[in-house]
Protein backbone atom coordinates (compact mmCIF):
# COMPACT_ATOMS: atom_id res chain seq x y z
CA UNK A 1 -0.02 0.00 -0.01
CA UNK A 2 1.51 3.27 -1.12
CA UNK A 3 0.51 6.80 -0.39
CA UNK A 4 1.85 9.20 -2.98
CA UNK A 5 2.10 12.95 -2.70
CA UNK A 6 2.43 15.09 -5.81
CA UNK A 7 5.14 17.74 -5.50
CA UNK A 8 4.83 21.19 -6.98
CA UNK A 9 7.08 20.06 -9.88
CA UNK A 10 4.56 17.34 -10.76
CA UNK A 11 6.82 14.53 -9.56
CA UNK A 12 5.22 11.74 -7.51
CA UNK A 13 6.97 11.24 -4.20
CA UNK A 14 6.46 8.37 -1.75
CA UNK A 15 4.98 9.70 1.46
CA UNK A 16 3.96 6.52 3.25
CA UNK A 17 4.22 2.79 2.62
CA UNK A 18 2.62 -0.11 4.38
CA UNK A 19 3.86 -3.64 3.80
CA UNK A 20 1.74 -5.46 6.40
CA UNK A 21 -1.41 -5.67 4.21
CA UNK A 22 -2.62 -8.30 1.75
CA UNK A 23 -5.51 -6.19 0.38
CA UNK A 24 -7.46 -3.01 0.90
CA UNK A 25 -11.26 -2.48 1.30
CA UNK A 26 -13.32 0.69 0.84
CA UNK A 27 -16.21 -0.09 3.21
CA UNK A 28 -19.83 1.04 2.76
CA UNK A 29 -19.54 3.22 5.86
CA UNK A 30 -16.87 5.39 4.15
CA UNK A 31 -13.82 3.85 5.91
CA UNK A 32 -10.87 2.68 3.88
CA UNK A 33 -8.88 -0.13 5.54
CA UNK A 34 -6.01 -2.49 4.79
CA UNK A 35 -6.32 -6.10 5.84
CA UNK A 36 -3.36 -8.29 6.73
CA UNK A 37 -2.97 -11.96 5.82
CA UNK A 38 -4.60 -13.00 9.13
CA UNK A 39 -7.72 -11.09 8.16
CA UNK A 40 -7.26 -8.32 10.66
CA UNK A 41 -7.35 -4.60 9.95
CA UNK A 42 -3.77 -3.29 9.83
CA UNK A 43 -4.59 0.36 8.96
CA UNK A 44 -7.66 2.55 8.74
CA UNK A 45 -8.31 5.97 7.17
CA UNK A 46 -10.75 6.82 10.04
CA UNK A 47 -13.25 8.18 7.52
CA UNK A 48 -16.33 6.44 8.95
CA UNK A 49 -19.49 8.35 8.05
CA UNK A 50 -17.70 10.35 5.32
CA UNK A 51 -18.51 8.07 2.31
CA UNK A 52 -19.25 11.03 0.06
CA UNK A 53 -15.73 12.43 0.53
CA UNK A 54 -13.74 9.57 -0.99
CA UNK A 55 -13.73 7.16 -3.83
CA UNK A 56 -11.66 4.57 -5.67
CA UNK A 57 -10.94 6.08 -9.08
CA UNK A 58 -10.68 4.30 -12.44
CA UNK A 59 -7.04 3.48 -11.97
CA UNK A 60 -7.78 1.67 -8.66
CA UNK A 61 -6.37 4.36 -6.41
CA UNK A 62 -8.16 5.51 -3.26
CA UNK A 63 -8.81 9.23 -3.54
CA UNK A 64 -10.05 11.30 -0.64
CA UNK A 65 -9.93 14.75 0.89
CA UNK A 66 -8.99 13.75 4.43
CA UNK A 67 -5.27 14.00 5.24
CA UNK A 68 -4.08 10.53 6.17
CA UNK A 69 -0.36 11.14 6.60
CA UNK A 70 1.77 13.95 7.86
CA UNK A 71 3.97 14.60 4.90
């Protein structure tokens, strides 16, 4: 799972990486989570109740307006 941040020069920079996840799920309640191989949530966007503020775009990337990393 990668979180990319676009710089002012248009270059994509890696901001955050999670390797303890086997897949990601955008839940109906608006929360985006990663699930590890044991089936447990390993990370959450904490966007419960904000389903209108995020989406998975046509390239398969999660796109939202809530800041999820401090970079």
